[in-house]
Amino acid sequence: MATEKKTQIIIDVDLDENKVPEKISWSAKDGGISNMQSKAILLSFWDSKKQETLKMDLWVKDMPIDQMKLFFHQTFLSMSESFYRATNDEKMTAAIRDFCDYYAEALKLK
């Protein structure tokens, strides 16, 4: 019988009186991360029974818009890399990267 190993990723969110995030921190013991501060998080889970994505998008109220735009750009780029590793679909990966280039140019991130 195979040995089962579990790990945890812990996300802590401090909210204001209106339940708006003021502070986000996360820890991943196996990754050597403890209470790392973050201004935003995009987290997706796949529900295979319903064939739909469940997601959690949070950002602190003082996150600057310019950082949010850059955060999304880097997330899109990361998603293109993940998509390629998961599917090996070069054509669609190139299309996603083309969008990333367009996005960066349109928002003057480059």
C-alpha atoms as a PDB file:
ATOM      1  CA  MET A   1       0.000   0.000   0.000  1.00  0.00           C
ATOM      2  CA  ALA A   2       1.332   3.453  -0.963  1.00  0.00           C
ATOM      3  CA  THR A   3       2.098   5.957   1.746  1.00  0.00           C
ATOM      4  CA  GLU A   4      -0.250   8.911   1.640  1.00  0.00           C
ATOM      5  CA  LYS A   5       1.199  12.356   2.254  1.00  0.00           C
ATOM      6  CA  LYS A   6      -0.829  15.463   2.860  1.00  0.00           C
ATOM      7  CA  THR A   7       0.162  19.087   2.951  1.00  0.00           C
ATOM      8  CA  GLN A   8      -1.639  22.316   3.668  1.00  0.00           C
ATOM      9  CA  ILE A   9      -1.720  25.747   2.145  1.00  0.00           C
ATOM     10  CA  ILE A  10      -3.252  28.201   4.584  1.00  0.00           C
ATOM     11  CA  ILE A  11      -4.739  31.512   3.483  1.00  0.00           C
ATOM     12  CA  ASP A  12      -5.603  34.121   6.095  1.00  0.00           C
ATOM     13  CA  VAL A  13      -7.732  37.125   5.194  1.00  0.00           C
ATOM     14  CA  ASP A  14      -8.266  40.046   7.571  1.00  0.00           C
ATOM     15  CA  LEU A  15     -11.522  41.866   6.822  1.00  0.00           C
ATOM     16  CA  ASP A  16     -12.781  45.309   7.726  1.00  0.00           C
ATOM     17  CA  GLU A  17     -16.229  45.918   9.237  1.00  0.00           C
ATOM     18  CA  ASN A  18     -17.788  45.666   5.739  1.00  0.00           C
ATOM     19  CA  LYS A  19     -16.063  42.316   5.051  1.00  0.00           C
ATOM     20  CA  VAL A  20     -13.646  43.894   2.569  1.00  0.00           C
ATOM     21  CA  PRO A  21     -10.147  42.348   2.641  1.00  0.00           C
ATOM     22  CA  GLU A  22      -7.544  44.543   4.345  1.00  0.00           C
ATOM     23  CA  LYS A  23      -4.739  42.006   4.601  1.00  0.00           C
ATOM     24  CA  ILE A  24      -4.002  38.664   2.942  1.00  0.00           C
ATOM     25  CA  SER A  25      -1.272  36.281   4.038  1.00  0.00           C
ATOM     26  CA  TRP A  26      -0.527  32.684   3.202  1.00  0.00           C
ATOM     27  CA  SER A  27       1.642  29.850   4.433  1.00  0.00           C
ATOM     28  CA  ALA A  28       2.856  26.640   2.788  1.00  0.00           C
ATOM     29  CA  LYS A  29       5.030  24.738   5.219  1.00  0.00           C
ATOM     30  CA  ASP A  30       6.371  22.285   2.603  1.00  0.00           C
ATOM     31  CA  GLY A  31       7.334  25.236   0.397  1.00  0.00           C
ATOM     32  CA  GLY A  32       9.100  27.052   3.219  1.00  0.00           C
ATOM     33  CA  ILE A  33       6.588  29.917   3.169  1.00  0.00           C
ATOM     34  CA  SER A  34       5.245  31.342   6.396  1.00  0.00           C
ATOM     35  CA  ASN A  35       2.819  34.265   6.622  1.00  0.00           C
ATOM     36  CA  MET A  36       3.819  35.761   3.275  1.00  0.00           C
ATOM     37  CA  GLN A  37       1.905  38.972   2.649  1.00  0.00           C
ATOM     38  CA  SER A  38      -0.036  39.388  -0.572  1.00  0.00           C
ATOM     39  CA  LYS A  39      -2.239  42.095  -2.051  1.00  0.00           C
ATOM     40  CA  ALA A  40      -4.335  39.762  -4.236  1.00  0.00           C
ATOM     41  CA  ILE A  41      -5.210  36.138  -4.881  1.00  0.00           C
ATOM     42  CA  LEU A  42      -6.948  34.338  -7.746  1.00  0.00           C
ATOM     43  CA  LEU A  43      -7.735  30.740  -6.863  1.00  0.00           C
ATOM     44  CA  SER A  44      -9.637  28.258  -9.041  1.00  0.00           C
ATOM     45  CA  PHE A  45     -10.952  24.773  -8.349  1.00  0.00           C
ATOM     46  CA  TRP A  46     -12.411  22.375 -10.908  1.00  0.00           C
ATOM     47  CA  ASP A  47     -15.692  20.649 -10.024  1.00  0.00           C
ATOM     48  CA  SER A  48     -15.603  17.624 -12.335  1.00  0.00           C
ATOM     49  CA  LYS A  49     -19.152  16.553 -11.494  1.00  0.00           C
ATOM     50  CA  LYS A  50     -20.685  19.882 -12.509  1.00  0.00           C
ATOM     51  CA  GLN A  51     -18.004  20.549 -15.147  1.00  0.00           C
ATOM     52  CA  GLU A  52     -17.453  24.075 -13.845  1.00  0.00           C
ATOM     53  CA  THR A  53     -14.855  26.237 -12.209  1.00  0.00           C
ATOM     54  CA  LEU A  54     -15.257  27.422  -8.648  1.00  0.00           C
ATOM     55  CA  LYS A  55     -13.153  30.446  -7.891  1.00  0.00           C
ATOM     56  CA  MET A  56     -12.070  32.867  -5.239  1.00  0.00           C
ATOM     57  CA  ASP A  57     -10.819  36.289  -6.302  1.00  0.00           C
ATOM     58  CA  LEU A  58      -9.702  38.556  -3.475  1.00  0.00           C
ATOM     59  CA  TRP A  59      -7.655  41.718  -3.278  1.00  0.00           C
ATOM     60  CA  VAL A  60      -7.017  44.184  -0.493  1.00  0.00           C
ATOM     61  CA  LYS A  61      -8.717  47.545  -0.708  1.00  0.00           C
ATOM     62  CA  ASP A  62      -5.431  49.451  -0.926  1.00  0.00           C
ATOM     63  CA  MET A  63      -4.063  47.521  -3.919  1.00  0.00           C
ATOM     64  CA  PRO A  64      -3.061  50.073  -6.561  1.00  0.00           C
ATOM     65  CA  ILE A  65      -4.756  49.737  -9.968  1.00  0.00           C
ATOM     66  CA  ASP A  66      -1.404  49.698 -11.806  1.00  0.00           C
ATOM     67  CA  GLN A  67      -0.320  46.701  -9.716  1.00  0.00           C
ATOM     68  CA  MET A  68      -3.668  44.983 -10.371  1.00  0.00           C
ATOM     69  CA  LYS A  69      -3.160  45.363 -14.135  1.00  0.00           C
ATOM     70  CA  LEU A  70       0.341  43.915 -13.861  1.00  0.00           C
ATOM     71  CA  PHE A  71      -0.920  41.108 -11.602  1.00  0.00           C
ATOM     72  CA  PHE A  72      -3.473  40.105 -14.239  1.00  0.00           C
ATOM     73  CA  HIS A  73      -0.880  40.259 -17.031  1.00  0.00           C
ATOM     74  CA  GLN A  74       1.499  37.986 -15.152  1.00  0.00           C
ATOM     75  CA  THR A  75      -1.396  35.662 -14.269  1.00  0.00           C
ATOM     76  CA  PHE A  76      -2.404  35.399 -17.949  1.00  0.00           C
ATOM     77  CA  LEU A  77       1.209  34.571 -18.879  1.00  0.00           C
ATOM     78  CA  SER A  78       1.380  31.955 -16.143  1.00  0.00           C
ATOM     79  CA  MET A  79      -1.909  30.462 -17.317  1.00  0.00           C
ATOM     80  CA  SER A  80      -0.533  30.150 -20.857  1.00  0.00           C
ATOM     81  CA  GLU A  81       2.431  28.178 -19.494  1.00  0.00           C
ATOM     82  CA  SER A  82       0.162  25.976 -17.372  1.00  0.00           C
ATOM     83  CA  PHE A  83      -2.173  25.440 -20.327  1.00  0.00           C
ATOM     84  CA  TYR A  84       0.730  24.287 -22.479  1.00  0.00           C
ATOM     85  CA  ARG A  85       2.056  21.889 -19.799  1.00  0.00           C
ATOM     86  CA  ALA A  86      -1.456  20.467 -19.339  1.00  0.00           C
ATOM     87  CA  THR A  87      -2.429  20.136 -23.021  1.00  0.00           C
ATOM     88  CA  ASN A  88       0.729  20.420 -25.147  1.00  0.00           C
ATOM     89  CA  ASP A  89      -1.428  22.546 -27.494  1.00  0.00           C
ATOM     90  CA  GLU A  90       1.113  24.855 -29.135  1.00  0.00           C
ATOM     91  CA  LYS A  91      -1.376  26.697 -31.359  1.00  0.00           C
ATOM     92  CA  MET A  92      -3.724  27.746 -28.559  1.00  0.00           C
ATOM     93  CA  THR A  93      -0.807  28.538 -26.252  1.00  0.00           C
ATOM     94  CA  ALA A  94       0.528  30.906 -28.920  1.00  0.00           C
ATOM     95  CA  ALA A  95      -2.911  32.531 -29.167  1.00  0.00           C
ATOM     96  CA  ILE A  96      -3.005  33.077 -25.401  1.00  0.00           C
ATOM     97  CA  ARG A  97       0.488  34.586 -25.491  1.00  0.00           C
ATOM     98  CA  ASP A  98      -0.570  36.863 -28.363  1.00  0.00           C
ATOM     99  CA  PHE A  99      -3.406  38.086 -26.158  1.00  0.00           C
ATOM    100  CA  CYS A 100      -0.907  38.680 -23.339  1.00  0.00           C
ATOM    101  CA  ASP A 101       1.209  40.803 -25.685  1.00  0.00           C
ATOM    102  CA  TYR A 102      -1.870  42.758 -26.787  1.00  0.00           C
ATOM    103  CA  TYR A 103      -2.963  43.258 -23.165  1.00  0.00           C
ATOM    104  CA  ALA A 104       0.483  44.515 -22.138  1.00  0.00           C
ATOM    105  CA  GLU A 105       0.678  46.862 -25.104  1.00  0.00           C
ATOM    106  CA  ALA A 106      -2.846  48.223 -24.628  1.00  0.00           C
ATOM    107  CA  LEU A 107      -2.171  48.964 -20.956  1.00  0.00           C
ATOM    108  CA  LYS A 108       1.364  50.196 -21.638  1.00  0.00           C
ATOM    109  CA  LEU A 109       2.904  47.589 -19.337  1.00  0.00           C
ATOM    110  CA  LYS A 110       5.908  47.044 -21.638  1.00  0.00           C
END
